[in-house]
Protein backbone atom coordinates (compact mmCIF):
# COMPACT_ATOMS: atom_id res chain seq x y z
CA MET A 1 0.00 0.00 0.00
CA LYS A 2 1.34 3.43 -0.93
CA ILE A 3 1.88 5.71 2.07
CA ILE A 4 0.48 9.18 1.49
CA PRO A 5 2.98 11.74 2.83
CA GLN A 6 1.97 14.35 5.37
CA HIS A 7 0.88 17.50 3.53
CA HIS A 8 1.35 21.15 4.51
CA GLU A 9 0.54 24.38 2.72
CA VAL A 10 3.95 25.87 3.55
CA VAL A 11 7.07 23.98 4.64
CA VAL A 12 10.17 25.82 5.85
CA ILE A 13 13.37 23.76 5.65
CA GLY A 14 15.93 24.87 8.24
CA ALA A 15 15.38 26.02 11.83
CA GLY A 16 18.18 28.53 12.24
CA ILE A 17 17.55 32.24 12.70
CA ALA A 18 16.39 32.70 9.08
CA GLY A 19 13.97 29.77 8.99
CA ALA A 20 12.58 30.53 12.44
CA THR A 21 12.04 34.22 11.67
CA ILE A 22 10.31 33.49 8.37
CA THR A 23 8.11 30.87 10.05
CA ASN A 24 7.11 33.30 12.78
CA GLU A 25 6.36 36.03 10.22
CA LEU A 26 4.00 33.72 8.34
CA LEU A 27 2.32 32.63 11.59
CA LEU A 28 1.67 36.28 12.42
CA LYS A 29 -0.21 36.52 9.12
CA GLY A 30 -2.45 33.60 10.05
CA GLN A 31 -0.69 31.00 7.89
CA LYS A 32 -0.27 27.34 8.76
CA VAL A 33 3.41 26.46 8.61
CA CYS A 34 5.52 23.34 9.06
CA ILE A 35 9.20 23.82 9.90
CA VAL A 36 11.62 20.90 9.59
CA ASP A 37 15.27 20.39 10.46
CA ALA A 38 17.72 17.50 10.32
CA GLU A 39 18.86 18.22 13.88
CA SER A 40 17.07 17.24 17.11
CA GLY A 41 15.67 20.74 17.49
CA PRO A 42 16.06 24.35 16.34
CA ALA A 43 19.22 26.47 16.63
CA LYS A 44 21.68 23.58 16.67
CA ALA A 45 24.34 24.99 14.32
CA CYS A 46 25.63 28.59 14.10
CA SER A 47 22.32 29.86 15.43
CA SER A 48 23.10 28.22 18.78
CA HIS A 49 25.33 31.06 19.87
CA ALA A 50 24.50 33.70 22.42
CA PHE A 51 26.05 36.93 21.14
CA ALA A 52 25.42 37.82 17.49
CA ILE A 53 26.30 41.46 16.90
CA ALA A 54 24.29 43.81 14.72
CA HIS A 55 24.98 47.18 13.15
CA PRO A 56 24.52 48.68 9.66
CA HIS A 57 27.39 48.44 7.19
CA ILE A 58 29.03 51.82 6.54
CA GLY A 59 32.04 51.02 4.35
CA ARG A 60 32.60 52.57 0.96
CA GLY A 61 31.87 49.40 -0.98
CA SER A 62 28.72 48.38 -2.80
CA PRO A 63 26.04 51.10 -2.55
CA ARG A 64 23.38 48.39 -2.54
CA LEU A 65 25.00 46.67 0.43
CA LEU A 66 25.03 49.97 2.32
CA ARG A 67 21.36 50.64 1.58
CA LEU A 68 20.31 47.09 2.36
CA THR A 69 22.03 46.87 5.73
CA ARG A 70 20.44 50.16 6.81
CA ILE A 71 16.96 48.81 6.04
CA ALA A 72 17.76 45.41 7.56
CA PHE A 73 19.13 47.02 10.73
CA LEU A 74 15.97 49.07 11.25
CA LEU A 75 13.82 45.97 10.74
CA ALA A 76 15.98 43.89 13.09
CA ALA A 77 15.94 46.49 15.86
CA GLU A 78 12.15 46.67 15.61
CA ARG A 79 11.58 42.92 15.40
CA TRP A 80 13.78 41.75 18.28
CA GLY A 81 12.49 44.35 20.73
CA GLY A 82 13.31 43.47 24.33
CA GLN A 83 15.73 40.74 23.27
CA TRP A 84 17.93 43.36 21.62
CA GLN A 85 20.86 43.72 24.07
CA GLN A 86 21.81 47.27 23.21
CA HIS A 87 25.23 48.27 24.54
CA GLY A 88 26.63 50.24 21.61
CA LEU A 89 29.29 49.27 19.07
CA PHE A 90 32.30 51.21 17.87
CA GLN A 91 33.81 50.76 14.41
CA ALA A 92 37.35 52.09 14.31
CA ALA A 93 38.65 53.92 11.27
CA LYS A 94 41.16 52.04 9.13
CA THR A 95 44.69 52.23 10.50
CA GLY A 96 46.93 54.41 8.36
CA GLU A 97 44.08 56.31 6.69
CA ILE A 98 43.70 60.06 7.13
CA PHE A 99 40.66 60.58 9.34
CA ASP A 100 38.29 63.44 8.51
CA LEU A 101 35.49 63.74 11.05
CA GLN A 102 33.36 66.00 8.85
CA LYS A 103 33.66 63.80 5.77
CA LEU A 104 32.70 60.72 7.75
CA ALA A 105 29.69 62.55 9.21
CA GLU A 106 28.61 63.54 5.69
CA HIS A 107 29.07 59.95 4.48
CA LEU A 108 26.87 58.60 7.27
CA CYS A 109 24.22 61.21 6.53
CA GLY A 110 24.34 60.26 2.85
CA LEU A 111 23.58 56.67 3.83
CA GLY A 112 20.40 57.80 5.57
CA LEU A 113 21.83 57.12 9.03
CA ASP A 114 20.93 59.83 11.50
CA GLN A 115 23.06 60.43 14.59
CA ALA A 116 20.78 58.29 16.71
CA ILE A 117 22.03 55.30 14.70
CA ALA A 118 25.57 56.17 13.61
CA ARG A 119 27.76 59.09 14.64
CA ALA A 120 31.30 60.05 13.62
CA VAL A 121 33.46 60.44 16.74
CA SER A 122 37.00 61.53 17.50
CA ALA A 123 39.45 59.36 19.39
CA ASP A 124 38.78 61.28 22.61
CA GLU A 125 35.02 60.81 22.24
CA ALA A 126 35.51 57.11 21.53
CA LEU A 127 37.62 56.77 24.66
CA ALA A 128 34.78 58.14 26.77
CA LEU A 129 32.15 56.02 25.01
CA CYS A 130 33.85 52.65 24.77
CA GLY A 131 37.26 52.84 26.41
CA VAL A 132 39.30 52.74 23.20
CA LYS A 133 41.13 55.81 21.92
CA ARG A 134 40.60 55.56 18.18
CA ASN A 135 38.73 57.65 15.59
CA GLY A 136 35.69 56.05 14.01
CA THR A 137 31.93 55.55 14.11
CA TRP A 138 29.77 55.04 17.17
CA PHE A 139 26.61 52.94 16.76
CA SER A 140 24.61 53.83 19.84
CA GLN A 141 21.98 51.23 18.93
CA GLY A 142 24.55 48.55 18.14
CA ALA A 143 23.59 45.40 19.96
CA THR A 144 23.94 41.69 20.49
CA LEU A 145 21.25 39.08 20.20
CA ASN A 146 21.10 35.64 21.79
CA LEU A 147 20.06 33.68 18.72
CA ALA A 148 19.24 30.45 20.56
CA SER A 149 16.78 32.03 22.99
CA THR A 150 15.36 34.26 20.25
CA ILE A 151 14.60 31.24 18.06
CA GLU A 152 13.00 29.47 21.01
CA GLY A 153 10.65 32.43 21.37
CA LEU A 154 9.87 32.51 17.66
CA LEU A 155 8.86 28.85 17.63
CA GLN A 156 6.65 28.73 20.69
CA PRO A 157 3.77 26.21 20.44
CA HIS A 158 1.05 27.55 18.16
CA GLU A 159 -2.08 25.99 16.72
CA ASN A 160 -0.86 26.76 13.18
CA LEU A 161 2.71 25.56 13.73
CA THR A 162 4.06 22.06 13.12
CA CYS A 163 7.67 21.34 14.06
CA ILE A 164 9.40 18.20 12.78
CA TRP A 165 12.94 17.44 13.97
CA ASP A 166 15.45 14.76 13.00
CA LEU A 167 14.16 14.83 9.44
CA GLN A 168 16.79 15.05 6.72
CA ILE A 169 15.43 16.47 3.46
CA SER A 170 17.81 15.54 0.65
CA GLY A 171 15.87 16.58 -2.44
CA LEU A 172 12.79 18.12 -4.00
CA LYS A 173 10.49 16.84 -6.73
CA LYS A 174 7.49 18.44 -8.41
CA GLU A 175 4.30 16.40 -8.81
CA GLY A 176 1.41 18.35 -10.27
CA ASN A 177 0.93 21.50 -8.21
CA LEU A 178 2.76 20.10 -5.19
CA TRP A 179 6.35 19.77 -4.11
CA MET A 180 7.52 16.45 -2.71
CA LEU A 181 10.24 16.59 -0.05
CA ILE A 182 12.51 13.60 -0.55
CA GLY A 183 14.57 11.74 2.08
CA ARG A 184 17.97 10.10 1.86
CA ASP A 185 16.52 6.84 0.58
CA LYS A 186 14.55 8.63 -2.15
CA GLU A 187 11.31 8.25 -0.19
CA VAL A 188 8.72 11.04 -0.11
CA LEU A 189 8.62 12.44 3.42
CA LEU A 190 6.30 15.43 3.06
CA SER A 191 4.38 17.35 0.43
CA ALA A 192 3.74 21.08 0.26
CA ARG A 193 2.36 23.67 -2.05
CA LYS A 194 5.07 26.16 -1.15
CA VAL A 195 8.58 25.47 0.15
CA VAL A 196 10.98 27.91 1.80
CA VAL A 197 14.57 26.67 1.83
CA ALA A 198 16.53 28.30 4.66
CA ALA A 199 19.06 25.53 5.16
CA SER A 200 22.39 27.37 4.84
CA LEU A 201 24.90 25.24 2.88
CA GLU A 202 22.39 22.37 2.61
CA THR A 203 20.49 24.63 0.23
CA LYS A 204 23.08 23.80 -2.40
CA LEU A 205 22.37 20.06 -2.19
CA LEU A 206 18.61 20.51 -2.13
CA LEU A 207 18.54 22.72 -5.19
CA SER A 208 20.87 20.47 -7.14
CA SER A 209 18.09 17.87 -7.03
CA ILE A 210 16.00 20.16 -9.25
CA GLY A 211 18.85 21.22 -11.55
CA ILE A 212 19.81 24.48 -9.84
CA ARG A 213 23.40 25.38 -9.01
CA LEU A 214 24.16 28.23 -6.66
CA PRO A 215 27.66 29.55 -5.82
CA LEU A 216 27.47 28.83 -2.10
CA ARG A 217 30.66 28.47 -0.14
CA PRO A 218 31.52 27.67 3.50
CA VAL A 219 33.54 29.97 5.72
CA ARG A 220 34.98 28.60 8.94
CA GLY A 221 35.38 30.98 11.84
CA GLN A 222 36.74 30.43 15.33
CA LEU A 223 35.90 32.81 18.13
CA SER A 224 38.10 32.86 21.22
CA ILE A 225 37.01 33.34 24.83
CA PHE A 226 39.98 34.85 26.66
CA LYS A 227 40.58 34.91 30.41
CA ILE A 228 42.67 37.84 31.70
CA ASP A 229 44.12 38.09 35.18
CA ALA A 230 42.68 41.03 37.12
CA LYS A 231 46.20 42.28 37.92
CA ASN A 232 47.43 42.23 34.34
CA LYS A 233 47.89 45.58 32.59
CA TRP A 234 45.52 44.40 29.83
CA ILE A 235 42.66 45.11 32.22
CA SER A 236 43.10 48.86 31.79
CA TYR A 237 42.87 48.52 28.00
CA LEU A 238 39.74 46.37 27.80
CA PRO A 239 36.72 47.97 26.08
CA LYS A 240 33.39 48.67 27.76
CA ALA A 241 31.50 48.42 24.45
CA GLY A 242 31.74 46.17 21.41
CA ILE A 243 34.43 47.00 18.86
CA CYS A 244 34.23 46.00 15.20
CA GLY A 245 36.30 46.47 12.08
CA ASP A 246 38.94 43.93 11.15
CA GLY A 247 37.38 41.33 13.40
CA TYR A 248 35.34 42.25 16.45
CA CYS A 249 35.17 41.91 20.20
CA LEU A 250 32.42 42.17 22.78
CA PRO A 251 32.51 44.35 25.90
CA ALA A 252 34.94 42.90 28.43
CA GLU A 253 33.39 41.41 31.54
CA ARG A 254 35.60 42.23 34.50
CA GLY A 255 35.37 39.87 37.45
CA PHE A 256 33.52 37.28 35.39
CA PHE A 257 35.52 34.30 36.69
CA SER A 258 35.51 33.20 40.33
CA ASP A 259 39.13 34.29 40.80
CA GLY A 260 38.29 37.83 39.67
CA SER A 261 39.68 37.42 36.15
CA ALA A 262 37.98 39.12 33.22
CA ARG A 263 36.35 37.41 30.27
CA TRP A 264 36.85 38.90 26.82
CA ILE A 265 35.35 37.44 23.64
CA VAL A 266 37.30 38.16 20.44
CA GLY A 267 37.02 36.89 16.89
CA SER A 268 36.94 35.64 14.48
CA SER A 269 39.36 33.76 12.32
CA PHE A 270 38.42 33.65 8.66
CA ASP A 271 38.95 30.41 6.76
CA GLU A 272 37.09 30.57 3.46
CA GLY A 273 36.23 27.33 1.76
CA GLU A 274 36.72 25.31 4.97
CA ASP A 275 34.05 23.49 6.97
CA ASP A 276 36.17 21.87 9.69
CA LEU A 277 34.55 22.37 13.12
CA GLY A 278 37.67 21.39 15.04
CA ALA A 279 39.24 24.02 17.31
CA ARG A 280 42.70 25.33 16.39
CA ASN A 281 45.40 26.95 18.52
CA SER A 282 46.46 28.91 15.43
CA SER A 283 43.02 30.52 15.30
CA ASP A 284 43.39 31.64 18.92
CA ASP A 285 46.73 33.22 17.99
CA PHE A 286 45.05 34.96 15.06
CA ASN A 287 42.39 36.33 17.41
CA ARG A 288 45.03 37.53 19.88
CA ASP A 289 46.48 39.69 17.11
CA LEU A 290 42.98 40.88 16.24
CA ALA A 291 42.50 41.90 19.87
CA LYS A 292 45.62 44.08 19.86
CA ASN A 293 44.58 45.83 16.66
CA LEU A 294 40.97 46.41 17.71
CA ILE A 295 41.91 48.33 20.84
CA ALA A 296 45.19 49.79 19.49
CA CYS A 297 47.25 48.09 22.17
CA GLU A 298 50.46 47.56 20.24
CA SER A 299 52.58 46.99 23.33
CA GLY A 300 50.25 44.42 24.86
CA ASP A 301 51.68 40.97 25.59
CA THR A 302 49.23 38.58 23.92
CA SER A 303 50.43 35.68 26.06
CA ALA A 304 48.32 37.24 28.83
CA LEU A 305 45.21 36.37 26.81
CA GLU A 306 44.54 32.86 28.06
CA ALA A 307 42.16 30.84 25.88
CA SER A 308 39.44 29.51 28.18
CA GLY A 309 36.91 28.53 25.55
CA ARG A 310 36.19 28.55 21.85
CA PHE A 311 33.30 28.47 19.45
CA VAL A 312 33.76 27.26 15.90
CA GLY A 313 31.05 27.85 13.33
CA ILE A 314 30.56 27.51 9.61
CA ARG A 315 28.87 30.30 7.70
CA CYS A 316 27.41 30.12 4.23
CA VAL A 317 28.31 32.91 1.79
CA ALA A 318 27.64 33.76 -1.84
CA GLY A 319 30.21 35.16 -4.22
CA ASP A 320 28.96 38.75 -4.18
CA ARG A 321 28.75 39.15 -0.36
CA LEU A 322 24.97 39.52 -0.49
CA PRO A 323 22.42 37.03 0.82
CA ILE A 324 20.17 35.05 -1.48
CA ILE A 325 16.57 35.92 -0.64
CA GLY A 326 13.45 35.50 -2.73
CA LYS A 327 11.51 33.28 -5.10
CA LEU A 328 13.15 30.89 -7.51
CA ASN A 329 11.89 31.92 -10.94
CA GLN A 330 12.70 28.59 -12.57
CA HIS A 331 10.46 26.69 -10.14
CA PRO A 332 7.25 28.34 -8.91
CA ASN A 333 6.57 28.19 -5.17
CA ILE A 334 10.19 27.63 -4.13
CA PHE A 335 11.65 30.45 -2.02
CA LEU A 336 15.21 30.83 -0.74
CA ALA A 337 16.80 32.48 2.29
CA THR A 338 20.46 31.53 2.45
CA ALA A 339 24.03 32.89 2.31
CA LEU A 340 23.44 35.18 5.29
CA GLY A 341 27.18 35.27 5.96
CA SER A 342 28.12 37.43 8.94
CA ARG A 343 24.85 39.33 9.18
CA GLY A 344 22.27 36.73 10.12
CA VAL A 345 20.58 39.01 12.65
CA LEU A 346 19.99 41.66 9.99
CA TRP A 347 19.31 39.54 6.93
CA SER A 348 16.84 37.24 8.70
CA ALA A 349 14.64 40.21 9.62
CA LEU A 350 14.68 41.43 6.01
CA ALA A 351 14.19 37.92 4.62
CA ALA A 352 11.07 37.44 6.73
CA LYS A 353 9.41 40.49 5.14
CA ILE A 354 10.46 39.61 1.58
CA ILE A 355 9.50 35.94 1.78
CA ARG A 356 6.17 36.75 3.43
CA ALA A 357 5.31 39.24 0.72
CA GLN A 358 6.15 36.73 -2.00
CA VAL A 359 4.58 33.66 -0.43
CA LEU A 360 1.35 35.56 0.22
CA ASP A 361 1.49 37.62 -3.00
CA GLU A 362 1.54 40.86 -1.05
CA GLY A 363 3.18 44.14 -1.99
CA PHE A 364 6.27 45.66 -0.43
CA ALA A 365 4.64 48.73 1.10
CA LEU A 366 6.39 48.35 4.46
CA LEU A 367 9.80 47.93 2.88
CA GLU A 368 9.20 50.75 0.43
CA ARG A 369 8.62 53.12 3.35
CA LEU A 370 12.11 52.23 4.57
CA GLY A 371 13.67 52.89 1.15
CA PHE A 372 13.47 49.39 -0.28
CA ALA A 373 13.30 49.52 -4.08
CA THR A 374 13.12 47.18 -7.07
CA ASP A 375 16.87 47.25 -7.63
CA LEU A 376 17.45 46.04 -4.08
CA LEU A 377 15.04 43.15 -4.55
CA ALA A 378 16.92 42.18 -7.71
CA ALA A 379 20.25 42.42 -5.85
CA LEU A 380 19.07 39.72 -3.42
CA ALA A 381 17.10 37.51 -5.79
CA PRO A 382 18.39 34.06 -6.80
CA ALA A 383 17.87 35.11 -10.44
CA ARG A 384 21.00 37.28 -10.30
CA PHE A 385 23.12 34.16 -10.72
CA PHE A 386 21.42 33.17 -13.95
CA ALA A 387 21.10 34.66 -17.43
CA GLY A 388 17.52 35.88 -17.37
CA ALA A 389 15.24 32.93 -16.78
CA ALA A 390 17.63 30.48 -18.42
CA LEU A 391 19.79 28.34 -16.21
CA VAL A 392 23.52 28.68 -16.89
CA PRO A 393 26.45 26.82 -15.33
CA ALA A 394 27.68 28.42 -12.15
CA ALA A 395 31.07 30.11 -12.26
CA PRO A 396 33.94 28.33 -10.52
CA LEU A 397 33.64 28.84 -6.79
CA ALA A 398 37.19 30.10 -6.55
CA ALA A 399 36.21 33.02 -8.74
CA LEU A 400 33.22 33.80 -6.56
CA ALA A 401 35.02 33.96 -3.24
CA SER A 402 33.44 36.26 -0.69
CA ASN A 403 35.39 38.34 1.78
CA SER A 404 32.39 38.74 4.04
CA LYS A 405 33.89 38.05 7.44
CA PRO A 406 31.70 35.80 9.61
CA ILE A 407 30.66 36.48 13.18
CA PHE A 408 30.52 33.50 15.49
CA PRO A 409 29.55 34.40 19.07
CA PRO A 410 30.23 31.86 21.79
CA ASP A 411 28.32 28.82 22.85
CA PRO A 412 25.86 29.87 25.58
CA LYS A 413 27.24 27.03 27.71
CA ALA A 414 30.58 28.82 27.83
CA ARG A 415 29.17 31.69 29.83
């Protein structure tokens, strides 16, 4: 007898921050949603960490990236509400560059960032704000988010929500107006009218089953949890706010350990094309050098930074540094949210609005009010990797390497 698979109107594959946020967004619109994951529960991979930082991008790179991160930051700050651990973040100016306070202020204004979000500050101002004497930009609303607890809140029991764990989806197949979700042994596990794939690197395997190739690439990152003796001179240099730039660090926590030592979280190493989750002493050494540069402590003895814990995570990136969000034109009713790279907190909030609008055939009125335009939608869409609607071979991954540096906050258990 043929077993009829369980059917759902909408299935979301992947229960990290992107999949959970999209699921919650659809639930808020009264939709019935099934979310599935190969792990024993949600937030088991990179989304298990406790301190994901968030701030808009302000570099002088892609104008679309600058505009997109502004919109995504505003959406993220609104969505996460009380879970948004706002402590401020400081982005130091590039070492060796001539710093012009007025020009930076004009640049920030040109990006649509008022001083309540991003403010150009002198080294003396930065010293008072965050404890580091460097010129740069102060994000007063810069924050961290505990992804694991946030996802738990997003996926609270709901009459319209079905959660299925320990279910590995290995492929997709179209039958009539429905999508069949295929298991490892080629069996049909579920059916759905609409499928949202938010499965990070697994997205690549899933889409290959329907003839789609995307230039997705892993990036390994190791974050180091340093212990610093309370009597060491490093204590006087430690920041009281998060610092970002070439790498990042969180505010130091003085007296965190029972012996009075401070805890300082610094990262992360950047190993593109690697997916090894093993911890490395060399990555701790890399992060020690990052620490010196972030707080401009050139004379600091890095041997005083004792590694007391590590978190290793694998991010998924696309070749152009932008996430892949939106409908798959080649296959109706397939939607993607992947390649979030280092900005999962921001991109997941934006992805939830875009995917909702497309799944429910809504407009983009909310996003338009924040400055979202057609060119930005196209910049995120999967179609950008193909020639029009025709599928073309993906370029070699080596040629599509991304320099989007990942952010891997520590395992909550390490606290």
